[in-house]
Amino acid sequence: MENQSKPSSLSETLYQKLAREYCVTTKYVGKIFRGERLPVRGRGLKVKKAIDDIIKNKV
């Protein structure tokens, strides 16, 4: 019997997807999302822009 597992993309959260895409931790993505961190350059700024784009597209 083969071991069949769920594809990771189906059970992946938004934080996990962004963290994997931008090579940061999920905790860091969460802090940016909640406003605990205000990124001004680098990866953090890219994550912030991605979050803003997602929010714009949802509304």
C-alpha atoms as a PDB file:
ATOM      1  CA  MET A   1       0.000   0.000   0.000  1.00  0.00           C
ATOM      2  CA  GLU A   2       1.414   3.370  -0.990  1.00  0.00           C
ATOM      3  CA  ASN A   3       1.619   6.263   1.421  1.00  0.00           C
ATOM      4  CA  GLN A   4      -0.529   9.011  -0.059  1.00  0.00           C
ATOM      5  CA  SER A   5      -0.363  12.394   1.585  1.00  0.00           C
ATOM      6  CA  LYS A   6      -2.228  15.595   0.838  1.00  0.00           C
ATOM      7  CA  PRO A   7      -0.520  18.092  -1.421  1.00  0.00           C
ATOM      8  CA  SER A   8       1.062  20.788   0.736  1.00  0.00           C
ATOM      9  CA  SER A   9      -0.499  23.598  -1.312  1.00  0.00           C
ATOM     10  CA  LEU A  10      -3.999  22.626  -0.160  1.00  0.00           C
ATOM     11  CA  SER A  11      -3.225  22.772   3.552  1.00  0.00           C
ATOM     12  CA  GLU A  12      -0.880  25.766   3.381  1.00  0.00           C
ATOM     13  CA  THR A  13      -1.976  29.010   5.053  1.00  0.00           C
ATOM     14  CA  LEU A  14      -1.525  32.454   3.546  1.00  0.00           C
ATOM     15  CA  TYR A  15       1.254  33.215   6.053  1.00  0.00           C
ATOM     16  CA  GLN A  16       3.062  29.990   5.123  1.00  0.00           C
ATOM     17  CA  LYS A  17       2.742  30.693   1.409  1.00  0.00           C
ATOM     18  CA  LEU A  18       4.164  34.213   1.734  1.00  0.00           C
ATOM     19  CA  ALA A  19       6.930  33.031   4.066  1.00  0.00           C
ATOM     20  CA  ARG A  20       8.010  30.342   1.613  1.00  0.00           C
ATOM     21  CA  GLU A  21       7.816  32.709  -1.358  1.00  0.00           C
ATOM     22  CA  TYR A  22       9.957  35.438   0.258  1.00  0.00           C
ATOM     23  CA  CYS A  23      12.263  33.188   2.364  1.00  0.00           C
ATOM     24  CA  VAL A  24      11.149  34.528   5.745  1.00  0.00           C
ATOM     25  CA  THR A  25       9.440  32.936   8.760  1.00  0.00           C
ATOM     26  CA  THR A  26       5.700  32.715   9.264  1.00  0.00           C
ATOM     27  CA  LYS A  27       6.099  34.641  12.536  1.00  0.00           C
ATOM     28  CA  TYR A  28       7.701  37.517  10.637  1.00  0.00           C
ATOM     29  CA  VAL A  29       4.871  37.548   8.083  1.00  0.00           C
ATOM     30  CA  GLY A  30       2.362  37.580  10.947  1.00  0.00           C
ATOM     31  CA  LYS A  31       4.078  40.527  12.619  1.00  0.00           C
ATOM     32  CA  ILE A  32       4.010  42.499   9.377  1.00  0.00           C
ATOM     33  CA  PHE A  33       0.357  41.585   8.798  1.00  0.00           C
ATOM     34  CA  ARG A  34      -0.657  42.676  12.317  1.00  0.00           C
ATOM     35  CA  GLY A  35       1.382  45.884  12.110  1.00  0.00           C
ATOM     36  CA  GLU A  36       3.866  44.935  14.828  1.00  0.00           C
ATOM     37  CA  ARG A  37       6.686  45.408  12.297  1.00  0.00           C
ATOM     38  CA  LEU A  38       6.831  48.239   9.774  1.00  0.00           C
ATOM     39  CA  PRO A  39       9.201  47.178   6.990  1.00  0.00           C
ATOM     40  CA  VAL A  40      10.903  49.939   5.019  1.00  0.00           C
ATOM     41  CA  ARG A  41      13.247  47.950   2.751  1.00  0.00           C
ATOM     42  CA  GLY A  42      14.294  44.486   1.648  1.00  0.00           C
ATOM     43  CA  ARG A  43      12.279  41.312   1.988  1.00  0.00           C
ATOM     44  CA  GLY A  44       9.983  42.785   4.593  1.00  0.00           C
ATOM     45  CA  LEU A  45       8.874  45.498   2.197  1.00  0.00           C
ATOM     46  CA  LYS A  46       8.216  42.904  -0.507  1.00  0.00           C
ATOM     47  CA  VAL A  47       6.077  40.926   1.955  1.00  0.00           C
ATOM     48  CA  LYS A  48       4.191  44.099   2.953  1.00  0.00           C
ATOM     49  CA  LYS A  49       3.486  44.949  -0.704  1.00  0.00           C
ATOM     50  CA  ALA A  50       2.247  41.394  -1.340  1.00  0.00           C
ATOM     51  CA  ILE A  51      -0.069  41.641   1.680  1.00  0.00           C
ATOM     52  CA  ASP A  52      -1.382  45.011   0.477  1.00  0.00           C
ATOM     53  CA  ASP A  53      -2.041  43.566  -3.002  1.00  0.00           C
ATOM     54  CA  ILE A  54      -3.937  40.618  -1.501  1.00  0.00           C
ATOM     55  CA  ILE A  55      -6.057  42.944   0.625  1.00  0.00           C
ATOM     56  CA  LYS A  56      -6.804  45.199  -2.370  1.00  0.00           C
ATOM     57  CA  ASN A  57      -7.872  42.255  -4.513  1.00  0.00           C
ATOM     58  CA  LYS A  58     -10.183  40.858  -1.811  1.00  0.00           C
ATOM     59  CA  VAL A  59     -12.169  44.102  -1.430  1.00  0.00           C
END
